[in-house]
Amino acid sequence: MVARVVLALSLAGSSSLTAQDVVGTLLVAHGGSEAWNADVRAVAREVRTGGPVAVSFLMGAGAPTSRFQDQVAALRAAGATRVAVVPLLVSSHSGHYEQIRWLAGQVDSLDAAMAAHLQHAGIERALDAVPLVVTRALDDAPELGRILVDRARALLAGDSAGAHALFLVGHGPNSPEDHAKWMMGLRTLAEHVRDVVGFRDARAGVVRDDAAPAVRAEAVRAVHDVVALQAAATGTDVLVLPLAIAAGRFTDRTLRADLAGLPVRYDGQPILPHADVARWVERRVAETARTALSPRE
């Protein structure tokens, strides 16, 4: 039986969210291999919001069988009167985030390439179902900061953090306009981990994995230059953390190849699995409730 959303004091006075409302949660992720998708589904099973939870993938083998419109319909059938759409993405500044906003009816147009991805999987809008609202992606969430602190400490394996530098590396956006926004978030996270763990230095960068070959090559070269300088300054290995949702080609092959020959310590451990991801989803849904989800006009 679907639990009803219990209104906290923070909801007092809300005119558009009532005690009869059930807020469903739709966790939307990029999608990858079956193992990649399984990590996302495991997070969904750990989420406790008081309403039904579903998962949708934008790409890959899981996309046609977990289409956005079908999952919204399933949440409605499970009793949801409103749906919080939570993008399990590293950044709110990406083409995939815009796909999700378009699917939820928050924007009227979509890049042709992003639209083609959705069409290929048969993914469509669900505008006639229930009110939808899209939350922010992970960005610089405190839960993500805690996860990266845990990953860094595991990689240190008991060594003194003060002797090492940290490098946080992300997939990166293709859009030049979004690059600065990505870097601002990455630097904030890197500095947080530095301050909590006690690293001597912390830097961040992106490898622009889906960019044109020349653009990607320059991004990888920039990463090499910074890591080499960090290693020279500390006289020891640089700890490299990937900013990726789940293990896959990017963490296991692409970054390992990009880092080849550098004095680094890298285990490829992504964000998942970690209990704080479920806590982040719950907080995003709670924030949605506090802002009183309202039907689209």
Protein backbone atom coordinates (compact mmCIF):
# COMPACT_ATOMS: atom_id res chain seq x y z
CA MET A 1 0.00 0.00 0.00
CA VAL A 2 1.34 3.41 -0.94
CA ALA A 3 2.12 5.53 2.10
CA ARG A 4 0.70 9.00 2.17
CA VAL A 5 3.03 11.96 2.33
CA VAL A 6 3.13 13.22 5.90
CA LEU A 7 3.23 16.99 5.97
CA ALA A 8 6.04 18.38 8.10
CA LEU A 9 5.92 21.77 9.76
CA SER A 10 7.80 23.15 6.77
CA LEU A 11 4.73 22.44 4.66
CA ALA A 12 2.32 24.30 6.92
CA GLY A 13 0.49 26.96 5.02
CA SER A 14 1.13 25.38 1.61
CA SER A 15 -1.96 25.86 -0.49
CA SER A 16 -1.08 23.45 -3.31
CA LEU A 17 0.18 20.39 -1.39
CA THR A 18 -2.39 18.70 0.80
CA ALA A 19 -2.49 15.75 3.17
CA GLN A 20 -4.18 13.75 0.42
CA ASP A 21 -1.29 14.23 -2.01
CA VAL A 22 1.12 11.39 -2.70
CA VAL A 23 4.46 12.49 -4.14
CA GLY A 24 5.99 9.89 -6.41
CA THR A 25 9.68 9.90 -7.28
CA LEU A 26 11.05 9.23 -10.75
CA LEU A 27 14.81 8.72 -10.72
CA VAL A 28 16.12 9.42 -14.24
CA ALA A 29 19.64 8.33 -15.18
CA HIS A 30 21.76 8.26 -18.34
CA GLY A 31 21.77 4.47 -18.62
CA GLY A 32 24.56 2.06 -19.47
CA SER A 33 25.35 -1.63 -19.19
CA GLU A 34 23.12 -3.92 -17.19
CA ALA A 35 25.57 -3.69 -14.28
CA TRP A 36 25.52 0.12 -14.56
CA ASN A 37 21.72 0.16 -14.54
CA ALA A 38 21.58 -2.30 -11.64
CA ASP A 39 23.48 0.18 -9.44
CA VAL A 40 20.85 2.83 -10.17
CA ARG A 41 17.98 0.46 -9.45
CA ALA A 42 19.64 -0.46 -6.15
CA VAL A 43 19.58 3.22 -5.15
CA ALA A 44 15.87 3.43 -5.95
CA ARG A 45 15.18 0.48 -3.65
CA GLU A 46 16.86 2.35 -0.79
CA VAL A 47 14.89 5.59 -1.22
CA ARG A 48 12.27 6.28 1.46
CA THR A 49 10.06 9.24 0.64
CA GLY A 50 6.63 8.01 1.71
CA GLY A 51 5.55 7.57 -1.91
CA PRO A 52 6.25 5.21 -4.84
CA VAL A 53 9.62 5.29 -6.58
CA ALA A 54 10.46 4.37 -10.19
CA VAL A 55 13.53 4.47 -12.46
CA SER A 56 13.90 5.59 -16.07
CA PHE A 57 16.96 5.51 -18.34
CA LEU A 58 17.60 7.90 -21.20
CA MET A 59 19.92 5.69 -23.24
CA GLY A 60 21.20 2.14 -23.53
CA ALA A 61 19.49 -1.22 -23.30
CA GLY A 62 17.36 -0.16 -20.34
CA ALA A 63 15.84 2.88 -22.06
CA PRO A 64 13.12 1.19 -24.18
CA THR A 65 11.91 -0.89 -21.22
CA SER A 66 11.82 1.97 -18.69
CA ARG A 67 10.53 4.84 -20.81
CA PHE A 68 9.83 8.14 -19.09
CA GLN A 69 6.15 8.22 -20.03
CA ASP A 70 5.61 4.61 -18.90
CA GLN A 71 7.27 5.15 -15.54
CA VAL A 72 5.23 8.28 -14.86
CA ALA A 73 2.10 6.26 -15.68
CA ALA A 74 3.26 3.51 -13.30
CA LEU A 75 3.73 6.03 -10.50
CA ARG A 76 0.27 7.40 -11.12
CA ALA A 77 -1.16 3.88 -11.02
CA ALA A 78 0.66 3.35 -7.71
CA GLY A 79 -1.20 6.32 -6.25
CA ALA A 80 1.05 9.28 -6.97
CA THR A 81 -0.82 12.54 -7.45
CA ARG A 82 2.40 14.47 -8.16
CA VAL A 83 5.87 13.37 -9.31
CA ALA A 84 9.29 14.70 -8.41
CA VAL A 85 11.64 13.95 -11.31
CA VAL A 86 15.15 13.54 -9.89
CA PRO A 87 17.99 13.52 -12.45
CA LEU A 88 20.72 11.15 -11.27
CA LEU A 89 23.28 13.16 -13.21
CA VAL A 90 26.56 14.74 -12.14
CA SER A 91 25.55 18.20 -13.35
CA SER A 92 22.45 20.25 -14.06
CA HIS A 93 24.34 21.79 -17.00
CA SER A 94 24.15 19.15 -19.71
CA GLY A 95 22.20 17.98 -22.70
CA HIS A 96 20.77 15.08 -20.72
CA TYR A 97 19.45 17.41 -18.03
CA GLU A 98 17.72 19.41 -20.77
CA GLN A 99 16.23 16.17 -22.13
CA ILE A 100 14.67 15.56 -18.74
CA ARG A 101 13.36 19.11 -18.49
CA TRP A 102 11.83 18.77 -21.95
CA LEU A 103 10.20 15.45 -21.06
CA ALA A 104 8.67 17.05 -17.98
CA GLY A 105 7.32 19.98 -20.01
CA GLN A 106 9.58 22.58 -18.42
CA VAL A 107 11.07 23.69 -21.75
CA ASP A 108 9.46 23.84 -25.18
CA SER A 109 12.41 22.97 -27.41
CA LEU A 110 15.26 20.45 -27.41
CA ASP A 111 18.54 20.10 -29.27
CA ALA A 112 18.09 17.91 -32.36
CA ALA A 113 20.70 15.35 -31.28
CA MET A 114 19.18 15.05 -27.81
CA ALA A 115 15.70 14.69 -29.33
CA ALA A 116 16.95 11.94 -31.65
CA HIS A 117 18.29 9.96 -28.68
CA LEU A 118 14.86 9.97 -27.10
CA GLN A 119 13.05 9.11 -30.31
CA HIS A 120 15.37 6.15 -30.89
CA ALA A 121 14.25 4.62 -27.59
CA GLY A 122 10.60 5.59 -28.04
CA ILE A 123 10.74 8.00 -25.12
CA GLU A 124 8.07 10.70 -25.08
CA ARG A 125 6.61 13.36 -22.83
CA ALA A 126 4.04 12.49 -20.17
CA LEU A 127 2.21 15.78 -20.13
CA ASP A 128 -1.29 14.40 -19.55
CA ALA A 129 -0.48 12.33 -16.48
CA VAL A 130 0.25 14.13 -13.20
CA PRO A 131 2.03 17.38 -12.28
CA LEU A 132 5.80 16.97 -12.71
CA VAL A 133 8.71 18.97 -11.37
CA VAL A 134 12.40 18.43 -12.14
CA THR A 135 14.87 18.82 -9.28
CA ARG A 136 18.53 19.76 -9.59
CA ALA A 137 21.10 17.09 -10.39
CA LEU A 138 23.93 16.24 -7.96
CA ASP A 139 25.96 19.39 -8.70
CA ASP A 140 27.75 20.38 -5.46
CA ALA A 141 25.33 18.61 -3.10
CA PRO A 142 26.68 17.98 0.42
CA GLU A 143 25.90 14.28 0.03
CA LEU A 144 28.19 14.14 -3.00
CA GLY A 145 30.87 15.91 -1.00
CA ARG A 146 30.65 13.24 1.69
CA ILE A 147 30.84 10.47 -0.89
CA LEU A 148 33.98 11.95 -2.42
CA VAL A 149 35.54 12.32 1.03
CA ASP A 150 34.91 8.61 1.63
CA ARG A 151 36.36 7.70 -1.77
CA ALA A 152 39.45 9.83 -1.14
CA ARG A 153 40.11 8.33 2.28
CA ALA A 154 39.79 4.81 0.87
CA LEU A 155 42.29 5.66 -1.86
CA LEU A 156 44.72 7.08 0.69
CA ALA A 157 44.77 3.68 2.40
CA GLY A 158 46.13 5.15 5.62
CA ASP A 159 48.69 7.50 4.05
CA SER A 160 48.96 11.10 5.24
CA ALA A 161 46.71 13.30 3.10
CA GLY A 162 49.03 16.25 3.68
CA ALA A 163 51.67 14.60 1.53
CA HIS A 164 49.37 14.21 -1.46
CA ALA A 165 47.45 16.28 -3.98
CA LEU A 166 43.95 15.48 -5.20
CA PHE A 167 42.62 15.72 -8.75
CA LEU A 168 38.89 15.44 -9.41
CA VAL A 169 38.03 14.63 -13.01
CA GLY A 170 34.65 14.61 -14.72
CA HIS A 171 33.24 13.55 -18.07
CA GLY A 172 32.53 17.16 -18.95
CA PRO A 173 29.99 18.86 -21.22
CA ASN A 174 30.29 19.27 -24.97
CA SER A 175 28.87 22.78 -24.84
CA PRO A 176 31.49 25.51 -24.28
CA GLU A 177 28.80 27.53 -22.51
CA ASP A 178 28.40 24.82 -19.88
CA HIS A 179 32.11 24.24 -19.36
CA ALA A 180 32.53 27.13 -16.91
CA LYS A 181 29.51 25.96 -14.90
CA TRP A 182 30.90 22.43 -14.69
CA MET A 183 34.29 23.71 -13.57
CA MET A 184 32.79 25.90 -10.85
CA GLY A 185 31.01 22.88 -9.39
CA LEU A 186 34.06 20.62 -9.70
CA ARG A 187 36.31 23.14 -7.99
CA THR A 188 33.85 23.55 -5.13
CA LEU A 189 33.79 19.79 -4.61
CA ALA A 190 37.57 19.42 -4.90
CA GLU A 191 38.16 22.19 -2.38
CA HIS A 192 35.64 20.62 0.01
CA VAL A 193 37.44 17.27 -0.10
CA ARG A 194 40.79 19.02 0.34
CA ASP A 195 39.59 20.88 3.42
CA VAL A 196 37.91 17.87 5.06
CA VAL A 197 40.59 15.27 4.33
CA GLY A 198 43.59 17.59 4.54
CA PHE A 199 45.15 17.26 1.09
CA ARG A 200 48.07 19.52 0.29
CA ASP A 201 46.41 20.64 -2.93
CA ALA A 202 43.24 19.94 -4.91
CA ARG A 203 42.45 20.63 -8.54
CA ALA A 204 39.73 19.63 -10.99
CA GLY A 205 39.25 19.15 -14.71
CA VAL A 206 37.18 17.48 -17.40
CA VAL A 207 38.19 15.27 -20.31
CA ARG A 208 35.30 16.23 -22.64
CA ASP A 209 34.77 12.56 -23.47
CA ASP A 210 32.14 13.04 -26.21
CA ALA A 211 33.70 16.11 -27.78
CA ALA A 212 35.35 16.37 -31.19
CA PRO A 213 38.75 14.60 -31.25
CA ALA A 214 40.80 17.82 -31.23
CA VAL A 215 38.78 19.29 -28.35
CA ARG A 216 39.03 16.09 -26.34
CA ALA A 217 42.77 15.80 -26.99
CA GLU A 218 43.33 19.32 -25.67
CA ALA A 219 41.23 18.61 -22.58
CA VAL A 220 43.20 15.45 -21.82
CA ARG A 221 46.46 17.35 -22.32
CA ALA A 222 45.30 19.98 -19.82
CA VAL A 223 44.60 17.23 -17.28
CA HIS A 224 48.08 15.80 -17.86
CA ASP A 225 49.69 19.19 -17.36
CA VAL A 226 47.94 19.88 -14.06
CA VAL A 227 48.49 16.41 -12.61
CA ALA A 228 52.17 16.51 -13.59
CA LEU A 229 52.58 19.85 -11.81
CA GLN A 230 50.84 18.50 -8.70
CA ALA A 231 53.08 15.45 -8.65
CA ALA A 232 56.20 17.61 -9.04
CA ALA A 233 55.09 19.86 -6.17
CA THR A 234 54.36 17.01 -3.75
CA GLY A 235 56.99 14.53 -4.89
CA THR A 236 54.46 11.69 -4.73
CA ASP A 237 51.46 10.17 -6.48
CA VAL A 238 48.40 12.33 -7.13
CA LEU A 239 45.11 10.82 -6.01
CA VAL A 240 42.59 10.94 -8.86
CA LEU A 241 38.86 10.61 -8.25
CA PRO A 242 36.43 10.19 -11.16
CA LEU A 243 33.16 12.08 -10.98
CA ALA A 244 30.95 9.44 -12.56
CA ILE A 245 27.63 7.95 -11.50
CA ALA A 246 28.50 4.26 -11.91
CA ALA A 247 31.35 2.08 -13.10
CA GLY A 248 31.58 1.63 -16.86
CA ARG A 249 33.59 2.51 -19.93
CA PHE A 250 34.43 5.99 -18.68
CA THR A 251 35.82 4.89 -15.30
CA ASP A 252 37.28 1.54 -16.30
CA ARG A 253 38.76 2.22 -19.73
CA THR A 254 38.66 5.84 -20.85
CA LEU A 255 40.13 7.46 -17.74
CA ARG A 256 42.66 4.70 -17.16
CA ALA A 257 43.96 5.25 -20.69
CA ASP A 258 43.92 9.04 -20.28
CA LEU A 259 45.96 8.79 -17.06
CA ALA A 260 48.48 6.28 -18.41
CA GLY A 261 52.07 7.30 -17.70
CA LEU A 262 51.16 9.80 -14.99
CA PRO A 263 52.24 9.35 -11.34
CA VAL A 264 48.70 8.80 -10.02
CA ARG A 265 46.78 6.59 -7.65
CA TYR A 266 43.46 5.68 -9.24
CA ASP A 267 40.98 2.88 -8.52
CA GLY A 268 38.09 4.03 -10.74
CA GLN A 269 35.55 3.96 -7.90
CA PRO A 270 32.47 5.96 -9.03
CA ILE A 271 29.76 7.62 -6.95
CA LEU A 272 27.64 4.46 -6.72
CA PRO A 273 27.14 2.46 -4.64
CA HIS A 274 26.88 4.68 -1.56
CA ALA A 275 24.08 5.12 0.97
CA ASP A 276 24.27 8.91 0.72
CA VAL A 277 22.91 8.82 -2.84
CA ALA A 278 19.55 7.61 -1.52
CA ARG A 279 19.69 10.31 1.16
CA TRP A 280 20.31 12.89 -1.58
CA VAL A 281 17.26 11.67 -3.53
CA GLU A 282 15.13 11.92 -0.41
CA ARG A 283 16.32 15.47 0.25
CA ARG A 284 15.61 16.54 -3.34
CA VAL A 285 12.07 15.16 -3.05
CA ALA A 286 11.58 16.88 0.31
CA GLU A 287 12.75 20.17 -1.20
CA THR A 288 10.19 19.71 -3.95
CA ALA A 289 7.45 19.23 -1.39
CA ARG A 290 8.51 22.34 0.52
CA THR A 291 8.20 24.44 -2.60
CA ALA A 292 4.65 23.09 -2.97
CA LEU A 293 4.49 21.29 -6.27
CA SER A 294 1.94 23.00 -8.44
CA PRO A 295 0.25 21.80 -11.65
CA ARG A 296 1.57 23.12 -14.96
CA GLU A 297 -0.49 25.87 -16.44
